[in-house]
Each structure stands twice: as structure tokens, then as C-alpha cells.
Amino acid sequence: MASSARRFFGMVVLVAFVVVYCFIAMVIGDITMADKHWSIKLVYFAIAGLIWVVPAGMIISWTYKKR
């Protein structure tokens, strides 16, 4: 796959992943954290807000990988 095509495909996958991940994290947080204390909600959303970085980093490293 050409470098520019790989980067375009990686960008599309990354944007789609982030959008889907945000919706899933929000739904899980809304369902499970509805009656919890605000500090527990803060911890959940802080962790959920950082977990996406690992798969996003893997996608980005794939897009810039040399053949």
C-alpha cells in the first residue's frame, strides 16, 4: 500500500474509532454511573478519556510504518 493511501486510510480509521469509542464510553458511563458519587464518575471518565490513546497510537504507528 502506498504511503499516502496508508495515511489516508489510517486517518479515516482513527476518526471512526474515536467517534465510536466516545459514544460507547458515554453510554457505559451513563448506564453504570447514573447514581454514583461525583468522584467515582470523575475517576471513570478520566480513565475512559485516556484509554483511547493506546489503540490510537497503534493506528498512528501503523500509518507511518515503513514497508
N, C-alpha and C. Protein backbone atom coordinates (compact mmCIF):
# COMPACT_ATOMS: atom_id res chain seq x y z
N MET A 1 0.85 -1.16 0.00
CA MET A 1 0.00 0.00 0.00
C MET A 1 0.90 1.24 0.00
N ALA A 2 0.57 2.19 -0.83
CA ALA A 2 1.36 3.43 -0.91
C ALA A 2 1.26 4.20 0.40
N SER A 3 2.30 4.98 0.66
CA SER A 3 2.37 5.72 1.91
C SER A 3 1.21 6.68 2.08
N SER A 4 0.86 7.40 1.02
CA SER A 4 -0.24 8.36 1.14
C SER A 4 -1.58 7.65 1.32
N ALA A 5 -1.76 6.52 0.67
CA ALA A 5 -3.01 5.76 0.83
C ALA A 5 -3.10 5.18 2.24
N ARG A 6 -1.98 4.71 2.76
CA ARG A 6 -1.96 4.17 4.12
C ARG A 6 -2.30 5.26 5.13
N ARG A 7 -1.76 6.44 4.94
CA ARG A 7 -2.05 7.55 5.86
C ARG A 7 -3.50 7.98 5.77
N PHE A 8 -4.06 8.03 4.58
CA PHE A 8 -5.47 8.39 4.43
C PHE A 8 -6.35 7.35 5.09
N PHE A 9 -6.09 6.08 4.83
CA PHE A 9 -6.87 5.00 5.43
C PHE A 9 -6.74 5.02 6.96
N GLY A 10 -5.54 5.25 7.45
CA GLY A 10 -5.32 5.33 8.89
C GLY A 10 -6.07 6.48 9.52
N MET A 11 -6.12 7.63 8.82
CA MET A 11 -6.84 8.78 9.34
C MET A 11 -8.34 8.49 9.43
N VAL A 12 -8.89 7.86 8.40
CA VAL A 12 -10.30 7.52 8.39
C VAL A 12 -10.62 6.53 9.52
N VAL A 13 -9.79 5.52 9.67
CA VAL A 13 -10.00 4.53 10.74
C VAL A 13 -9.87 5.19 12.11
N LEU A 14 -8.91 6.07 12.27
CA LEU A 14 -8.70 6.74 13.55
C LEU A 14 -9.89 7.62 13.94
N VAL A 15 -10.39 8.39 12.99
CA VAL A 15 -11.55 9.24 13.28
C VAL A 15 -12.77 8.39 13.61
N ALA A 16 -12.99 7.34 12.84
CA ALA A 16 -14.14 6.46 13.10
C ALA A 16 -13.99 5.78 14.46
N PHE A 17 -12.79 5.34 14.80
CA PHE A 17 -12.55 4.71 16.09
C PHE A 17 -12.84 5.66 17.24
N VAL A 18 -12.35 6.89 17.14
CA VAL A 18 -12.55 7.86 18.23
C VAL A 18 -14.03 8.18 18.42
N VAL A 19 -14.76 8.35 17.33
CA VAL A 19 -16.19 8.65 17.43
C VAL A 19 -16.93 7.49 18.07
N VAL A 20 -16.68 6.27 17.61
CA VAL A 20 -17.36 5.09 18.17
C VAL A 20 -16.96 4.89 19.63
N TYR A 21 -15.68 5.06 19.93
CA TYR A 21 -15.22 4.89 21.31
C TYR A 21 -15.88 5.91 22.24
N CYS A 22 -16.00 7.15 21.80
CA CYS A 22 -16.64 8.18 22.63
C CYS A 22 -18.08 7.81 22.95
N PHE A 23 -18.82 7.39 21.94
CA PHE A 23 -20.21 7.02 22.18
C PHE A 23 -20.32 5.82 23.12
N ILE A 24 -19.48 4.82 22.92
CA ILE A 24 -19.52 3.64 23.79
C ILE A 24 -19.16 4.00 25.23
N ALA A 25 -18.11 4.81 25.41
CA ALA A 25 -17.70 5.21 26.75
C ALA A 25 -18.78 6.05 27.43
N MET A 26 -19.44 6.92 26.67
CA MET A 26 -20.51 7.73 27.26
C MET A 26 -21.71 6.88 27.65
N VAL A 27 -22.08 5.94 26.81
CA VAL A 27 -23.24 5.09 27.11
C VAL A 27 -22.95 4.22 28.33
N ILE A 28 -21.78 3.60 28.37
CA ILE A 28 -21.42 2.77 29.52
C ILE A 28 -21.38 3.61 30.79
N GLY A 29 -20.80 4.81 30.69
CA GLY A 29 -20.75 5.69 31.85
C GLY A 29 -22.12 6.15 32.29
N ASP A 30 -22.98 6.44 31.35
CA ASP A 30 -24.33 6.89 31.69
C ASP A 30 -25.14 5.77 32.34
N ILE A 31 -25.02 4.57 31.82
CA ILE A 31 -25.79 3.44 32.36
C ILE A 31 -25.26 3.02 33.73
N THR A 32 -23.97 2.91 33.87
CA THR A 32 -23.40 2.36 35.11
C THR A 32 -23.16 3.42 36.18
N MET A 33 -23.01 4.67 35.79
CA MET A 33 -22.65 5.70 36.77
C MET A 33 -23.79 6.67 37.09
N ALA A 34 -25.01 6.33 36.76
CA ALA A 34 -26.14 7.26 36.92
C ALA A 34 -26.35 7.66 38.39
N ASP A 35 -26.21 6.74 39.31
CA ASP A 35 -26.49 7.07 40.70
C ASP A 35 -25.24 7.01 41.58
N LYS A 36 -24.09 7.14 40.99
CA LYS A 36 -22.83 7.09 41.75
C LYS A 36 -22.43 8.50 42.21
N HIS A 37 -21.52 8.54 43.14
CA HIS A 37 -20.98 9.79 43.65
C HIS A 37 -20.16 10.47 42.54
N TRP A 38 -20.06 11.80 42.60
CA TRP A 38 -19.38 12.53 41.54
C TRP A 38 -17.90 12.16 41.44
N SER A 39 -17.28 11.77 42.55
CA SER A 39 -15.86 11.43 42.50
C SER A 39 -15.64 10.11 41.74
N ILE A 40 -16.56 9.19 41.87
CA ILE A 40 -16.46 7.93 41.12
C ILE A 40 -16.67 8.19 39.63
N LYS A 41 -17.59 9.07 39.30
CA LYS A 41 -17.80 9.46 37.91
C LYS A 41 -16.54 10.11 37.34
N LEU A 42 -15.91 10.96 38.14
CA LEU A 42 -14.69 11.63 37.71
C LEU A 42 -13.59 10.63 37.38
N VAL A 43 -13.43 9.64 38.24
CA VAL A 43 -12.40 8.61 38.01
C VAL A 43 -12.72 7.81 36.75
N TYR A 44 -13.99 7.40 36.59
CA TYR A 44 -14.36 6.62 35.41
C TYR A 44 -14.09 7.41 34.13
N PHE A 45 -14.58 8.63 34.07
CA PHE A 45 -14.44 9.40 32.83
C PHE A 45 -12.99 9.83 32.59
N ALA A 46 -12.20 9.98 33.63
CA ALA A 46 -10.78 10.27 33.44
C ALA A 46 -10.07 9.06 32.82
N ILE A 47 -10.37 7.88 33.35
CA ILE A 47 -9.75 6.67 32.80
C ILE A 47 -10.26 6.39 31.39
N ALA A 48 -11.57 6.50 31.20
CA ALA A 48 -12.14 6.27 29.87
C ALA A 48 -11.64 7.31 28.87
N GLY A 49 -11.35 8.50 29.35
CA GLY A 49 -10.84 9.55 28.48
C GLY A 49 -9.40 9.36 28.08
N LEU A 50 -8.68 8.51 28.77
CA LEU A 50 -7.27 8.28 28.44
C LEU A 50 -7.01 6.94 27.77
N ILE A 51 -7.90 5.98 27.91
CA ILE A 51 -7.66 4.64 27.37
C ILE A 51 -7.58 4.65 25.84
N TRP A 52 -8.31 5.53 25.18
CA TRP A 52 -8.33 5.54 23.72
C TRP A 52 -6.96 5.86 23.13
N VAL A 53 -6.06 6.40 23.92
CA VAL A 53 -4.75 6.81 23.41
C VAL A 53 -3.94 5.60 22.95
N VAL A 54 -4.06 4.47 23.64
CA VAL A 54 -3.27 3.28 23.29
C VAL A 54 -3.62 2.74 21.90
N PRO A 55 -4.90 2.44 21.59
CA PRO A 55 -5.19 1.97 20.23
C PRO A 55 -4.97 3.05 19.18
N ALA A 56 -5.19 4.32 19.54
CA ALA A 56 -4.94 5.39 18.58
C ALA A 56 -3.45 5.46 18.24
N GLY A 57 -2.61 5.27 19.23
CA GLY A 57 -1.17 5.24 18.99
C GLY A 57 -0.76 4.08 18.10
N MET A 58 -1.42 2.95 18.27
CA MET A 58 -1.12 1.81 17.42
C MET A 58 -1.54 2.07 15.97
N ILE A 59 -2.68 2.73 15.79
CA ILE A 59 -3.13 3.07 14.44
C ILE A 59 -2.16 4.07 13.80
N ILE A 60 -1.75 5.07 14.56
CA ILE A 60 -0.83 6.07 14.02
C ILE A 60 0.52 5.45 13.68
N SER A 61 1.02 4.56 14.55
CA SER A 61 2.30 3.93 14.24
C SER A 61 2.20 3.04 13.00
N TRP A 62 1.03 2.43 12.77
CA TRP A 62 0.84 1.63 11.57
C TRP A 62 0.86 2.52 10.32
N THR A 63 0.26 3.71 10.42
CA THR A 63 0.20 4.56 9.24
C THR A 63 1.57 5.07 8.82
N TYR A 64 2.49 5.20 9.78
CA TYR A 64 3.83 5.71 9.46
C TYR A 64 4.88 4.61 9.40
N LYS A 65 4.45 3.36 9.39
CA LYS A 65 5.39 2.25 9.34
C LYS A 65 6.00 2.14 7.95
N LYS A 66 7.28 1.91 7.91
CA LYS A 66 7.96 1.69 6.63
C LYS A 66 7.74 0.25 6.21
N ARG A 67 7.70 0.05 4.92
CA ARG A 67 7.50 -1.29 4.39
C ARG A 67 8.68 -2.16 4.59
